[in-house]
C-alpha atoms as a PDB file:
ATOM      1  CA  MET A   1       0.000   0.000   0.000  1.00  0.00           C
ATOM      2  CA  GLU A   2       1.474   3.350  -1.044  1.00  0.00           C
ATOM      3  CA  THR A   3       1.320   6.227   1.438  1.00  0.00           C
ATOM      4  CA  THR A   4       0.761   9.706   0.046  1.00  0.00           C
ATOM      5  CA  ASN A   5       3.134  12.387   1.286  1.00  0.00           C
ATOM      6  CA  PRO A   6       0.936  15.009   3.022  1.00  0.00           C
ATOM      7  CA  TYR A   7       3.531  17.739   2.431  1.00  0.00           C
ATOM      8  CA  ILE A   8       3.529  17.777  -1.384  1.00  0.00           C
ATOM      9  CA  GLY A   9       2.979  21.273  -2.729  1.00  0.00           C
ATOM     10  CA  MET A  10       4.351  24.791  -2.501  1.00  0.00           C
ATOM     11  CA  TRP A  11       6.071  26.065   0.647  1.00  0.00           C
ATOM     12  CA  VAL A  12       7.021  29.737   0.885  1.00  0.00           C
ATOM     13  CA  THR A  13       8.629  32.193   3.275  1.00  0.00           C
ATOM     14  CA  ALA A  14       6.342  34.936   4.607  1.00  0.00           C
ATOM     15  CA  ASP A  15       7.993  37.482   2.299  1.00  0.00           C
ATOM     16  CA  ASN A  16       7.628  35.043  -0.630  1.00  0.00           C
ATOM     17  CA  HIS A  17      11.351  35.382  -1.409  1.00  0.00           C
ATOM     18  CA  ILE A  18      11.980  31.633  -1.173  1.00  0.00           C
ATOM     19  CA  ARG A  19       9.508  29.262  -2.828  1.00  0.00           C
ATOM     20  CA  GLN A  20      10.024  25.521  -2.515  1.00  0.00           C
ATOM     21  CA  GLN A  21       7.899  23.098  -4.528  1.00  0.00           C
ATOM     22  CA  LEU A  22       7.825  19.556  -3.122  1.00  0.00           C
ATOM     23  CA  LEU A  23       6.914  17.330  -6.047  1.00  0.00           C
ATOM     24  CA  PRO A  24       5.112  13.957  -5.807  1.00  0.00           C
ATOM     25  CA  ASP A  25       8.090  12.111  -7.341  1.00  0.00           C
ATOM     26  CA  GLY A  26      10.384  12.932  -4.393  1.00  0.00           C
ATOM     27  CA  ARG A  27      12.077  15.893  -6.069  1.00  0.00           C
ATOM     28  CA  TYR A  28      12.005  19.536  -5.093  1.00  0.00           C
ATOM     29  CA  ASP A  29      12.552  22.792  -6.941  1.00  0.00           C
ATOM     30  CA  GLU A  30      13.427  25.928  -5.011  1.00  0.00           C
ATOM     31  CA  ALA A  31      13.267  29.477  -6.354  1.00  0.00           C
ATOM     32  CA  ARG A  32      14.925  32.455  -4.659  1.00  0.00           C
ATOM     33  CA  GLY A  33      13.643  35.876  -5.578  1.00  0.00           C
ATOM     34  CA  ARG A  34      13.632  36.076  -9.365  1.00  0.00           C
ATOM     35  CA  ARG A  35      15.997  33.125  -9.692  1.00  0.00           C
ATOM     36  CA  ALA A  36      13.946  30.088 -10.723  1.00  0.00           C
ATOM     37  CA  ASN A  37      15.447  26.636 -10.108  1.00  0.00           C
ATOM     38  CA  ALA A  38      18.017  28.064  -7.675  1.00  0.00           C
ATOM     39  CA  TYR A  39      18.224  24.664  -5.971  1.00  0.00           C
ATOM     40  CA  THR A  40      16.889  21.340  -7.176  1.00  0.00           C
ATOM     41  CA  GLY A  41      17.259  17.848  -5.799  1.00  0.00           C
ATOM     42  CA  ARG A  42      15.602  14.996  -3.963  1.00  0.00           C
ATOM     43  CA  TYR A  43      13.812  14.874  -0.646  1.00  0.00           C
ATOM     44  CA  GLN A  44      12.519  12.171   1.658  1.00  0.00           C
ATOM     45  CA  VAL A  45       9.913  12.567   4.392  1.00  0.00           C
ATOM     46  CA  ASN A  46       9.824  10.369   7.489  1.00  0.00           C
ATOM     47  CA  GLY A  47       6.959  11.395   9.762  1.00  0.00           C
ATOM     48  CA  THR A  48       7.393  15.143  10.237  1.00  0.00           C
ATOM     49  CA  HIS A  49      11.105  15.127   9.342  1.00  0.00           C
ATOM     50  CA  ILE A  50      12.368  15.970   5.845  1.00  0.00           C
ATOM     51  CA  ASP A  51      15.840  15.265   4.459  1.00  0.00           C
ATOM     52  CA  TYR A  52      17.095  17.041   1.346  1.00  0.00           C
ATOM     53  CA  GLN A  53      19.951  16.301  -1.033  1.00  0.00           C
ATOM     54  CA  ASP A  54      20.418  18.827  -3.790  1.00  0.00           C
ATOM     55  CA  ASP A  55      21.782  17.913  -7.196  1.00  0.00           C
ATOM     56  CA  THR A  56      25.301  19.068  -6.179  1.00  0.00           C
ATOM     57  CA  GLY A  57      25.322  16.692  -3.174  1.00  0.00           C
ATOM     58  CA  PHE A  58      24.614  19.279  -0.442  1.00  0.00           C
ATOM     59  CA  THR A  59      22.358  17.927   2.310  1.00  0.00           C
ATOM     60  CA  ALA A  60      19.961  19.635   4.707  1.00  0.00           C
ATOM     61  CA  ASP A  61      16.929  18.760   6.770  1.00  0.00           C
ATOM     62  CA  GLY A  62      13.846  20.269   8.346  1.00  0.00           C
ATOM     63  CA  GLU A  63      10.794  19.662  10.499  1.00  0.00           C
ATOM     64  CA  PHE A  64       7.132  20.109   9.658  1.00  0.00           C
ATOM     65  CA  ASP A  65       4.670  21.406  12.237  1.00  0.00           C
ATOM     66  CA  GLY A  66       1.306  21.334  10.496  1.00  0.00           C
ATOM     67  CA  ASP A  67       1.408  23.966   7.756  1.00  0.00           C
ATOM     68  CA  VAL A  68       4.798  25.293   8.927  1.00  0.00           C
ATOM     69  CA  LEU A  69       8.214  23.977   7.855  1.00  0.00           C
ATOM     70  CA  HIS A  70      11.404  24.869   9.750  1.00  0.00           C
ATOM     71  CA  HIS A  71      14.314  24.395   7.360  1.00  0.00           C
ATOM     72  CA  GLY A  72      17.782  25.921   7.068  1.00  0.00           C
ATOM     73  CA  GLY A  73      17.106  28.707   9.555  1.00  0.00           C
ATOM     74  CA  TYR A  74      13.987  29.759   7.644  1.00  0.00           C
ATOM     75  CA  VAL A  75      10.302  29.350   8.356  1.00  0.00           C
ATOM     76  CA  PHE A  76       8.237  28.200   5.387  1.00  0.00           C
ATOM     77  CA  TYR A  77       4.456  28.065   5.173  1.00  0.00           C
ATOM     78  CA  ARG A  78       2.207  25.917   3.043  1.00  0.00           C
ATOM     79  CA  GLU A  79       1.163  28.447   0.412  1.00  0.00           C
ATOM     80  CA  GLY A  80      -2.338  29.785   1.047  1.00  0.00           C
ATOM     81  CA  SER A  81      -2.734  28.112   4.447  1.00  0.00           C
ATOM     82  CA  LEU A  82      -4.083  29.885   7.514  1.00  0.00           C
ATOM     83  CA  ALA A  83      -0.529  29.915   8.931  1.00  0.00           C
ATOM     84  CA  HIS A  84       0.737  31.548   5.717  1.00  0.00           C
ATOM     85  CA  ARG A  85      -1.984  34.202   5.748  1.00  0.00           C
ATOM     86  CA  ALA A  86      -1.263  34.953   9.429  1.00  0.00           C
ATOM     87  CA  ALA A  87       2.480  35.281   8.709  1.00  0.00           C
ATOM     88  CA  ILE A  88       1.813  37.687   5.839  1.00  0.00           C
ATOM     89  CA  ALA A  89      -0.414  39.761   8.122  1.00  0.00           C
ATOM     90  CA  GLY A  90       2.282  39.735  10.829  1.00  0.00           C
ATOM     91  CA  ARG A  91       0.245  37.696  13.290  1.00  0.00           C
ATOM     92  CA  PRO A  92       1.811  34.880  15.343  1.00  0.00           C
END
């Protein structure tokens, strides 16, 4: 039985500068500002933990907390979620 990854989709910083698309095939594509495809690679989710390996071999990880992702010193939000809208509005 295949389990669907609940975190597939677009994750963004509150200022929308960093946009990370988690794709269903286990790959990700990250844009920074106007630079599309700034980082690309593979990811793997285990529970609420995510491990990344970009196409140059660099590795990183993060933790999901509902519609919030803590990764690389940044806070990402599931695009369009209540948490994202609150972050844009400056609410905790």
